[in-house]
């Protein structure tokens, strides 16, 4: 998570899901409030993404998925 606008009124959130970790939970408390970014990859490959943004704030979420085909 990085500020897109000073004071974290707008944040850039760029989760990077990976089968190596399968899940990741993070939060950041800023002057503008608390941002949360959590993701989980289930056994069937289903990705669940949970983003929380403080009241009166915004976030740009950039999600890049990389995968490898296995024969």
PDB file of N, CA and C in Angstrom:
ATOM      1  N   UNK A   1       0.840  -1.163   0.000  1.00  0.00           N
ATOM      2  CA  UNK A   1       0.000   0.000   0.000  1.00  0.00           C
ATOM      3  C   UNK A   1       0.892   1.235   0.000  1.00  0.00           C
ATOM      4  N   UNK A   2       0.574   2.147  -0.880  1.00  0.00           N
ATOM      5  CA  UNK A   2       1.306   3.396  -0.951  1.00  0.00           C
ATOM      6  C   UNK A   2       0.324   4.541  -1.147  1.00  0.00           C
ATOM      7  N   UNK A   3       0.695   5.742  -0.707  1.00  0.00           N
ATOM      8  CA  UNK A   3      -0.221   6.868  -0.915  1.00  0.00           C
ATOM      9  C   UNK A   3      -0.242   7.283  -2.384  1.00  0.00           C
ATOM     10  N   UNK A   4      -1.420   7.488  -2.918  1.00  0.00           N
ATOM     11  CA  UNK A   4      -1.570   8.017  -4.269  1.00  0.00           C
ATOM     12  C   UNK A   4      -1.689   9.535  -4.178  1.00  0.00           C
ATOM     13  N   UNK A   5      -2.268  10.002  -3.073  1.00  0.00           N
ATOM     14  CA  UNK A   5      -2.421  11.424  -2.766  1.00  0.00           C
ATOM     15  C   UNK A   5      -1.903  11.628  -1.345  1.00  0.00           C
ATOM     16  N   UNK A   6      -1.253  12.729  -1.090  1.00  0.00           N
ATOM     17  CA  UNK A   6      -0.715  13.015   0.243  1.00  0.00           C
ATOM     18  C   UNK A   6      -1.790  12.854   1.311  1.00  0.00           C
ATOM     19  N   UNK A   7      -1.406  12.275   2.449  1.00  0.00           N
ATOM     20  CA  UNK A   7      -2.346  12.081   3.554  1.00  0.00           C
ATOM     21  C   UNK A   7      -3.179  10.820   3.426  1.00  0.00           C
ATOM     22  N   UNK A   8      -2.898   9.993   2.439  1.00  0.00           N
ATOM     23  CA  UNK A   8      -3.601   8.721   2.221  1.00  0.00           C
ATOM     24  C   UNK A   8      -5.110   8.901   2.022  1.00  0.00           C
ATOM     25  N   UNK A   9      -5.546  10.002   1.427  1.00  0.00           N
ATOM     26  CA  UNK A   9      -6.963  10.124   1.070  1.00  0.00           C
ATOM     27  C   UNK A   9      -7.265   9.220  -0.122  1.00  0.00           C
ATOM     28  N   UNK A  10      -6.241   8.947  -0.909  1.00  0.00           N
ATOM     29  CA  UNK A  10      -6.324   7.961  -1.990  1.00  0.00           C
ATOM     30  C   UNK A  10      -5.065   7.107  -1.884  1.00  0.00           C
ATOM     31  N   UNK A  11      -5.241   5.792  -1.837  1.00  0.00           N
ATOM     32  CA  UNK A  11      -4.105   4.875  -1.720  1.00  0.00           C
ATOM     33  C   UNK A  11      -4.048   3.956  -2.932  1.00  0.00           C
ATOM     34  N   UNK A  12      -2.868   3.502  -3.250  1.00  0.00           N
ATOM     35  CA  UNK A  12      -2.675   2.471  -4.270  1.00  0.00           C
ATOM     36  C   UNK A  12      -2.454   1.151  -3.546  1.00  0.00           C
ATOM     37  N   UNK A  13      -3.296   0.179  -3.842  1.00  0.00           N
ATOM     38  CA  UNK A  13      -3.189  -1.153  -3.243  1.00  0.00           C
ATOM     39  C   UNK A  13      -2.912  -2.134  -4.376  1.00  0.00           C
ATOM     40  N   UNK A  14      -1.801  -2.847  -4.263  1.00  0.00           N
ATOM     41  CA  UNK A  14      -1.355  -3.740  -5.340  1.00  0.00           C
ATOM     42  C   UNK A  14      -1.053  -5.134  -4.795  1.00  0.00           C
ATOM     43  N   UNK A  15      -2.091  -5.920  -4.484  1.00  0.00           N
ATOM     44  CA  UNK A  15      -1.837  -7.278  -3.988  1.00  0.00           C
ATOM     45  C   UNK A  15      -1.172  -8.125  -5.071  1.00  0.00           C
ATOM     46  N   UNK A  16      -0.348  -9.066  -4.644  1.00  0.00           N
ATOM     47  CA  UNK A  16       0.352  -9.954  -5.571  1.00  0.00           C
ATOM     48  C   UNK A  16       0.136 -11.404  -5.148  1.00  0.00           C
ATOM     49  N   UNK A  17      -1.053 -11.949  -5.424  1.00  0.00           N
ATOM     50  CA  UNK A  17      -1.338 -13.334  -5.026  1.00  0.00           C
ATOM     51  C   UNK A  17      -0.327 -14.311  -5.615  1.00  0.00           C
ATOM     52  N   UNK A  18      -0.007 -15.326  -4.828  1.00  0.00           N
ATOM     53  CA  UNK A  18       0.970 -16.319  -5.248  1.00  0.00           C
ATOM     54  C   UNK A  18       0.606 -17.663  -4.641  1.00  0.00           C
ATOM     55  N   UNK A  19       0.745 -18.722  -5.411  1.00  0.00           N
ATOM     56  CA  UNK A  19       0.497 -20.065  -4.896  1.00  0.00           C
ATOM     57  C   UNK A  19       1.566 -20.465  -3.877  1.00  0.00           C
ATOM     58  N   UNK A  20       2.676 -19.761  -3.841  1.00  0.00           N
ATOM     59  CA  UNK A  20       3.727 -20.053  -2.856  1.00  0.00           C
ATOM     60  C   UNK A  20       3.250 -19.767  -1.437  1.00  0.00           C
ATOM     61  N   UNK A  21       2.437 -18.714  -1.269  1.00  0.00           N
ATOM     62  CA  UNK A  21       2.006 -18.325   0.067  1.00  0.00           C
ATOM     63  C   UNK A  21       0.564 -18.713   0.368  1.00  0.00           C
ATOM     64  N   UNK A  22      -0.297 -18.735  -0.641  1.00  0.00           N
ATOM     65  CA  UNK A  22      -1.714 -19.127  -0.545  1.00  0.00           C
ATOM     66  C   UNK A  22      -2.591 -18.119   0.174  1.00  0.00           C
ATOM     67  N   UNK A  23      -2.040 -17.315   1.090  1.00  0.00           N
ATOM     68  CA  UNK A  23      -2.845 -16.255   1.717  1.00  0.00           C
ATOM     69  C   UNK A  23      -1.924 -15.168   2.262  1.00  0.00           C
ATOM     70  N   UNK A  24      -2.491 -13.980   2.415  1.00  0.00           N
ATOM     71  CA  UNK A  24      -1.728 -12.857   2.951  1.00  0.00           C
ATOM     72  C   UNK A  24      -2.700 -11.865   3.547  1.00  0.00           C
ATOM     73  N   UNK A  25      -2.406 -11.372   4.736  1.00  0.00           N
ATOM     74  CA  UNK A  25      -3.246 -10.391   5.419  1.00  0.00           C
ATOM     75  C   UNK A  25      -2.376  -9.222   5.850  1.00  0.00           C
ATOM     76  N   UNK A  26      -2.813  -8.026   5.522  1.00  0.00           N
ATOM     77  CA  UNK A  26      -2.074  -6.846   5.954  1.00  0.00           C
ATOM     78  C   UNK A  26      -3.026  -5.690   6.199  1.00  0.00           C
ATOM     79  N   UNK A  27      -2.611  -4.790   7.068  1.00  0.00           N
ATOM     80  CA  UNK A  27      -3.376  -3.564   7.288  1.00  0.00           C
ATOM     81  C   UNK A  27      -2.397  -2.438   7.577  1.00  0.00           C
ATOM     82  N   UNK A  28      -2.853  -1.240   7.316  1.00  0.00           N
ATOM     83  CA  UNK A  28      -2.029  -0.059   7.567  1.00  0.00           C
ATOM     84  C   UNK A  28      -2.914   1.042   8.113  1.00  0.00           C
ATOM     85  N   UNK A  29      -2.538   1.567   9.269  1.00  0.00           N
ATOM     86  CA  UNK A  29      -3.270   2.682   9.849  1.00  0.00           C
ATOM     87  C   UNK A  29      -2.539   3.967   9.491  1.00  0.00           C
ATOM     88  N   UNK A  30      -3.248   4.877   8.841  1.00  0.00           N
ATOM     89  CA  UNK A  30      -2.673   6.137   8.387  1.00  0.00           C
ATOM     90  C   UNK A  30      -3.442   7.297   9.016  1.00  0.00           C
ATOM     91  N   UNK A  31      -3.012   8.504   8.706  1.00  0.00           N
ATOM     92  CA  UNK A  31      -3.734   9.688   9.175  1.00  0.00           C
ATOM     93  C   UNK A  31      -5.161   9.703   8.623  1.00  0.00           C
ATOM     94  N   UNK A  32      -5.347   9.104   7.452  1.00  0.00           N
ATOM     95  CA  UNK A  32      -6.677   9.056   6.836  1.00  0.00           C
ATOM     96  C   UNK A  32      -7.541   7.912   7.320  1.00  0.00           C
ATOM     97  N   UNK A  33      -6.983   6.981   8.069  1.00  0.00           N
ATOM     98  CA  UNK A  33      -7.740   5.836   8.567  1.00  0.00           C
ATOM     99  C   UNK A  33      -7.027   4.528   8.284  1.00  0.00           C
ATOM    100  N   UNK A  34      -7.760   3.429   8.465  1.00  0.00           N
ATOM    101  CA  UNK A  34      -7.175   2.082   8.357  1.00  0.00           C
ATOM    102  C   UNK A  34      -7.518   1.444   7.010  1.00  0.00           C
ATOM    103  N   UNK A  35      -6.487   1.024   6.290  1.00  0.00           N
ATOM    104  CA  UNK A  35      -6.632   0.295   5.037  1.00  0.00           C
ATOM    105  C   UNK A  35      -6.316  -1.169   5.296  1.00  0.00           C
ATOM    106  N   UNK A  36      -7.074  -2.061   4.658  1.00  0.00           N
ATOM    107  CA  UNK A  36      -6.864  -3.500   4.809  1.00  0.00           C
ATOM    108  C   UNK A  36      -6.795  -4.127   3.417  1.00  0.00           C
ATOM    109  N   UNK A  37      -5.864  -5.038   3.239  1.00  0.00           N
ATOM    110  CA  UNK A  37      -5.755  -5.812   2.007  1.00  0.00           C
ATOM    111  C   UNK A  37      -5.458  -7.262   2.385  1.00  0.00           C
ATOM    112  N   UNK A  38      -6.412  -8.148   2.154  1.00  0.00           N
ATOM    113  CA  UNK A  38      -6.262  -9.574   2.450  1.00  0.00           C
ATOM    114  C   UNK A  38      -6.598 -10.366   1.192  1.00  0.00           C
ATOM    115  N   UNK A  39      -5.874 -11.436   0.958  1.00  0.00           N
ATOM    116  CA  UNK A  39      -6.247 -12.339  -0.124  1.00  0.00           C
ATOM    117  C   UNK A  39      -5.962 -13.773   0.280  1.00  0.00           C
ATOM    118  N   UNK A  40      -6.675 -14.681  -0.396  1.00  0.00           N
ATOM    119  CA  UNK A  40      -6.533 -16.111  -0.120  1.00  0.00           C
ATOM    120  C   UNK A  40      -6.792 -16.877  -1.410  1.00  0.00           C
ATOM    121  N   UNK A  41      -6.001 -17.908  -1.637  1.00  0.00           N
ATOM    122  CA  UNK A  41      -6.218 -18.797  -2.783  1.00  0.00           C
ATOM    123  C   UNK A  41      -6.646 -20.152  -2.228  1.00  0.00           C
ATOM    124  N   UNK A  42      -7.843 -20.589  -2.573  1.00  0.00           N
ATOM    125  CA  UNK A  42      -8.379 -21.864  -2.104  1.00  0.00           C
ATOM    126  C   UNK A  42      -7.727 -23.020  -2.865  1.00  0.00           C
ATOM    127  N   UNK A  43      -7.947 -24.230  -2.371  1.00  0.00           N
ATOM    128  CA  UNK A  43      -7.392 -25.434  -3.010  1.00  0.00           C
ATOM    129  C   UNK A  43      -7.802 -25.556  -4.476  1.00  0.00           C
ATOM    130  N   UNK A  44      -9.013 -25.098  -4.807  1.00  0.00           N
ATOM    131  CA  UNK A  44      -9.487 -25.190  -6.195  1.00  0.00           C
ATOM    132  C   UNK A  44      -8.993 -24.035  -7.063  1.00  0.00           C
ATOM    133  N   UNK A  45      -8.150 -23.145  -6.489  1.00  0.00           N
ATOM    134  CA  UNK A  45      -7.597 -22.029  -7.247  1.00  0.00           C
ATOM    135  C   UNK A  45      -8.419 -20.750  -7.186  1.00  0.00           C
ATOM    136  N   UNK A  46      -9.550 -20.776  -6.478  1.00  0.00           N
ATOM    137  CA  UNK A  46     -10.402 -19.594  -6.375  1.00  0.00           C
ATOM    138  C   UNK A  46      -9.716 -18.526  -5.525  1.00  0.00           C
ATOM    139  N   UNK A  47      -9.609 -17.321  -6.067  1.00  0.00           N
ATOM    140  CA  UNK A  47      -8.989 -16.202  -5.359  1.00  0.00           C
ATOM    141  C   UNK A  47     -10.070 -15.369  -4.681  1.00  0.00           C
ATOM    142  N   UNK A  48      -9.890 -15.114  -3.386  1.00  0.00           N
ATOM    143  CA  UNK A  48     -10.777 -14.229  -2.637  1.00  0.00           C
ATOM    144  C   UNK A  48      -9.951 -13.032  -2.193  1.00  0.00           C
ATOM    145  N   UNK A  49     -10.439 -11.845  -2.517  1.00  0.00           N
ATOM    146  CA  UNK A  49      -9.744 -10.613  -2.199  1.00  0.00           C
ATOM    147  C   UNK A  49     -10.642  -9.749  -1.328  1.00  0.00           C
ATOM    148  N   UNK A  50     -10.115  -9.276  -0.188  1.00  0.00           N
ATOM    149  CA  UNK A  50     -10.866  -8.407   0.714  1.00  0.00           C
ATOM    150  C   UNK A  50     -10.093  -7.098   0.871  1.00  0.00           C
ATOM    151  N   UNK A  51     -10.707  -5.996   0.440  1.00  0.00           N
ATOM    152  CA  UNK A  51     -10.100  -4.675   0.550  1.00  0.00           C
ATOM    153  C   UNK A  51     -11.019  -3.808   1.399  1.00  0.00           C
ATOM    154  N   UNK A  52     -10.464  -3.135   2.405  1.00  0.00           N
ATOM    155  CA  UNK A  52     -11.233  -2.195   3.216  1.00  0.00           C
ATOM    156  C   UNK A  52     -10.566  -0.829   3.123  1.00  0.00           C
ATOM    157  N   UNK A  53     -11.398   0.194   2.911  1.00  0.00           N
ATOM    158  CA  UNK A  53     -10.930   1.554   2.732  1.00  0.00           C
ATOM    159  C   UNK A  53     -11.627   2.439   3.759  1.00  0.00           C
ATOM    160  N   UNK A  54     -10.914   3.355   4.404  1.00  0.00           N
ATOM    161  CA  UNK A  54     -11.544   4.214   5.407  1.00  0.00           C
ATOM    162  C   UNK A  54     -12.667   5.071   4.806  1.00  0.00           C
ATOM    163  N   UNK A  55     -13.582   5.464   5.672  1.00  0.00           N
ATOM    164  CA  UNK A  55     -14.662   6.363   5.283  1.00  0.00           C
ATOM    165  C   UNK A  55     -14.078   7.634   4.672  1.00  0.00           C
ATOM    166  N   UNK A  56     -14.681   8.087   3.603  1.00  0.00           N
ATOM    167  CA  UNK A  56     -14.289   9.332   2.940  1.00  0.00           C
ATOM    168  C   UNK A  56     -12.914   9.241   2.281  1.00  0.00           C
ATOM    169  N   UNK A  57     -12.469   8.028   1.965  1.00  0.00           N
ATOM    170  CA  UNK A  57     -11.198   7.827   1.272  1.00  0.00           C
ATOM    171  C   UNK A  57     -11.450   6.940   0.053  1.00  0.00           C
ATOM    172  N   UNK A  58     -10.448   6.785  -0.770  1.00  0.00           N
ATOM    173  CA  UNK A  58     -10.555   5.969  -1.980  1.00  0.00           C
ATOM    174  C   UNK A  58      -9.295   5.128  -2.128  1.00  0.00           C
ATOM    175  N   UNK A  59      -9.388   4.106  -2.964  1.00  0.00           N
ATOM    176  CA  UNK A  59      -8.213   3.275  -3.254  1.00  0.00           C
ATOM    177  C   UNK A  59      -8.240   2.842  -4.712  1.00  0.00           C
ATOM    178  N   UNK A  60      -7.080   2.822  -5.310  1.00  0.00           N
ATOM    179  CA  UNK A  60      -6.884   2.230  -6.626  1.00  0.00           C
ATOM    180  C   UNK A  60      -6.323   0.840  -6.382  1.00  0.00           C
ATOM    181  N   UNK A  61      -7.034  -0.187  -6.842  1.00  0.00           N
ATOM    182  CA  UNK A  61      -6.585  -1.559  -6.633  1.00  0.00           C
ATOM    183  C   UNK A  61      -6.090  -2.100  -7.971  1.00  0.00           C
ATOM    184  N   UNK A  62      -4.817  -2.476  -8.002  1.00  0.00           N
ATOM    185  CA  UNK A  62      -4.199  -3.045  -9.200  1.00  0.00           C
ATOM    186  C   UNK A  62      -3.871  -4.493  -8.908  1.00  0.00           C
ATOM    187  N   UNK A  63      -4.510  -5.381  -9.646  1.00  0.00           N
ATOM    188  CA  UNK A  63      -4.336  -6.812  -9.418  1.00  0.00           C
ATOM    189  C   UNK A  63      -3.732  -7.448 -10.665  1.00  0.00           C
ATOM    190  N   UNK A  64      -2.532  -7.959 -10.523  1.00  0.00           N
ATOM    191  CA  UNK A  64      -1.854  -8.655 -11.618  1.00  0.00           C
ATOM    192  C   UNK A  64      -1.734 -10.117 -11.215  1.00  0.00           C
ATOM    193  N   UNK A  65      -2.282 -10.985 -12.034  1.00  0.00           N
ATOM    194  CA  UNK A  65      -2.254 -12.417 -11.756  1.00  0.00           C
ATOM    195  C   UNK A  65      -1.237 -13.075 -12.684  1.00  0.00           C
ATOM    196  N   UNK A  66      -0.301 -13.792 -12.094  1.00  0.00           N
ATOM    197  CA  UNK A  66       0.654 -14.582 -12.866  1.00  0.00           C
ATOM    198  C   UNK A  66       0.410 -16.043 -12.535  1.00  0.00           C
ATOM    199  N   UNK A  67       0.355 -16.866 -13.558  1.00  0.00           N
ATOM    200  CA  UNK A  67       0.152 -18.282 -13.293  1.00  0.00           C
ATOM    201  C   UNK A  67       0.996 -19.105 -14.247  1.00  0.00           C
ATOM    202  N   UNK A  68       1.186 -20.343 -13.864  1.00  0.00           N
ATOM    203  CA  UNK A  68       1.987 -21.265 -14.666  1.00  0.00           C
ATOM    204  C   UNK A  68       1.138 -22.482 -14.968  1.00  0.00           C
ATOM    205  N   UNK A  69       1.069 -22.840 -16.220  1.00  0.00           N
ATOM    206  CA  UNK A  69       0.341 -24.043 -16.614  1.00  0.00           C
ATOM    207  C   UNK A  69       1.190 -25.258 -16.306  1.00  0.00           C
ATOM    208  N   UNK A  70       0.570 -26.264 -15.714  1.00  0.00           N
ATOM    209  CA  UNK A  70       1.275 -27.500 -15.378  1.00  0.00           C
ATOM    210  C   UNK A  70       0.678 -28.632 -16.181  1.00  0.00           C
ATOM    211  N   UNK A  71       1.503 -29.348 -16.900  1.00  0.00           N
ATOM    212  CA  UNK A  71       1.022 -30.485 -17.712  1.00  0.00           C
ATOM    213  C   UNK A  71       0.860 -31.714 -16.868  1.00  0.00           C
TER     214      UNK A  71
END
